[in-house]
């Protein structure tokens, strides 16, 4: 029986301020992105950055980052897997890319 591993889904906050425009053509549904806690962020101590390879795409929205950052700051970096689940080039830039976060499968 498959257990539900869904943890969160959100648009990338700050997408227009970082490197998203440079790699937008490479972002597809199913593209793996990396989450990285940024506890030294001066605006939000729970900030979680989102990367595609070496390109920073933006952040997990503040409304969705508290538990993610808590687990990551405790060293559970491999607890989550994140992928792009929607690409909508005609939407407002901050709503063009949606990410789904799941609890990683146990090996």
Protein backbone atom coordinates (compact mmCIF):
# COMPACT_ATOMS: atom_id res chain seq x y z
CA UNK A 1 0.00 0.00 0.00
CA UNK A 2 1.40 3.40 -1.03
CA UNK A 3 1.43 5.90 1.80
CA UNK A 4 0.77 9.56 1.10
CA UNK A 5 4.10 11.36 1.15
CA UNK A 6 2.76 14.84 0.26
CA UNK A 7 4.18 17.53 2.53
CA UNK A 8 3.65 20.89 0.81
CA UNK A 9 2.92 22.64 -2.47
CA UNK A 10 3.60 26.29 -3.28
CA UNK A 11 4.72 28.85 -5.84
CA UNK A 12 8.34 30.00 -5.67
CA UNK A 13 8.54 33.27 -3.74
CA UNK A 14 10.87 35.90 -5.19
CA UNK A 15 11.18 34.06 -8.52
CA UNK A 16 11.65 37.31 -10.48
CA UNK A 17 14.53 38.47 -8.25
CA UNK A 18 16.91 35.56 -8.75
CA UNK A 19 18.15 33.28 -11.57
CA UNK A 20 14.83 31.80 -12.66
CA UNK A 21 14.65 33.79 -15.89
CA UNK A 22 18.06 32.41 -16.93
CA UNK A 23 16.98 28.78 -16.62
CA UNK A 24 13.21 29.07 -17.18
CA UNK A 25 13.40 27.17 -20.50
CA UNK A 26 14.99 24.21 -18.65
CA UNK A 27 12.30 23.97 -15.96
CA UNK A 28 9.77 21.25 -16.70
CA UNK A 29 7.23 19.27 -14.70
CA UNK A 30 9.20 16.68 -12.74
CA UNK A 31 12.43 18.71 -12.64
CA UNK A 32 14.16 18.10 -9.31
CA UNK A 33 14.96 21.19 -7.25
CA UNK A 34 17.04 21.45 -4.10
CA UNK A 35 15.91 23.01 -0.83
CA UNK A 36 18.47 24.69 1.42
CA UNK A 37 17.74 26.22 4.81
CA UNK A 38 19.09 29.75 5.26
CA UNK A 39 18.93 30.41 9.03
CA UNK A 40 21.10 33.55 8.69
CA UNK A 41 18.52 35.28 6.48
CA UNK A 42 17.93 38.74 7.98
CA UNK A 43 14.28 38.89 6.89
CA UNK A 44 13.16 35.41 7.89
CA UNK A 45 15.10 32.99 10.14
CA UNK A 46 12.98 30.14 8.69
CA UNK A 47 13.96 30.97 5.09
CA UNK A 48 14.43 28.01 2.71
CA UNK A 49 16.10 28.65 -0.64
CA UNK A 50 15.17 26.76 -3.80
CA UNK A 51 17.86 25.82 -6.34
CA UNK A 52 17.91 24.21 -9.76
CA UNK A 53 21.48 22.97 -10.17
CA UNK A 54 23.54 26.06 -9.19
CA UNK A 55 20.79 28.56 -10.05
CA UNK A 56 18.83 30.08 -7.21
CA UNK A 57 15.15 30.20 -8.15
CA UNK A 58 13.84 31.91 -5.01
CA UNK A 59 12.37 30.79 -1.71
CA UNK A 60 9.73 28.61 -0.14
CA UNK A 61 6.99 31.12 0.81
CA UNK A 62 7.09 32.28 4.41
CA UNK A 63 3.67 30.69 5.00
CA UNK A 64 5.10 27.25 4.13
CA UNK A 65 8.69 27.27 5.40
CA UNK A 66 8.59 26.85 9.18
CA UNK A 67 8.52 23.04 9.42
CA UNK A 68 10.81 22.57 6.41
CA UNK A 69 13.46 24.84 7.92
CA UNK A 70 13.11 23.26 11.35
CA UNK A 71 13.80 19.75 10.03
CA UNK A 72 16.65 20.98 7.81
CA UNK A 73 18.28 22.97 10.60
CA UNK A 74 18.17 19.81 12.74
CA UNK A 75 20.18 18.00 10.05
CA UNK A 76 17.40 16.17 8.21
CA UNK A 77 18.44 17.43 4.76
CA UNK A 78 17.47 14.18 3.02
CA UNK A 79 14.00 14.00 4.55
CA UNK A 80 12.38 15.84 1.64
CA UNK A 81 12.35 15.61 -2.14
CA UNK A 82 11.14 18.57 -4.17
CA UNK A 83 10.08 18.75 -7.82
CA UNK A 84 8.43 21.23 -10.10
CA UNK A 85 4.81 20.24 -10.57
CA UNK A 86 3.51 23.13 -12.66
CA UNK A 87 5.00 25.49 -15.23
CA UNK A 88 2.70 28.27 -16.45
CA UNK A 89 4.62 30.78 -18.59
CA UNK A 90 1.52 32.94 -19.14
CA UNK A 91 0.88 33.51 -15.43
CA UNK A 92 2.13 36.42 -13.33
CA UNK A 93 5.90 35.77 -12.83
CA UNK A 94 5.59 34.93 -9.14
CA UNK A 95 3.03 32.23 -10.02
CA UNK A 96 4.74 30.67 -13.05
CA UNK A 97 6.42 27.81 -11.20
CA UNK A 98 4.86 25.57 -8.58
CA UNK A 99 6.82 23.10 -6.46
CA UNK A 100 5.65 20.00 -4.64
CA UNK A 101 7.54 18.70 -1.62
CA UNK A 102 7.22 15.09 -0.54
CA UNK A 103 8.73 13.13 2.28
CA UNK A 104 11.47 11.05 0.65
CA UNK A 105 11.05 7.32 0.24
CA UNK A 106 12.79 5.29 2.88
CA UNK A 107 15.60 3.14 1.47
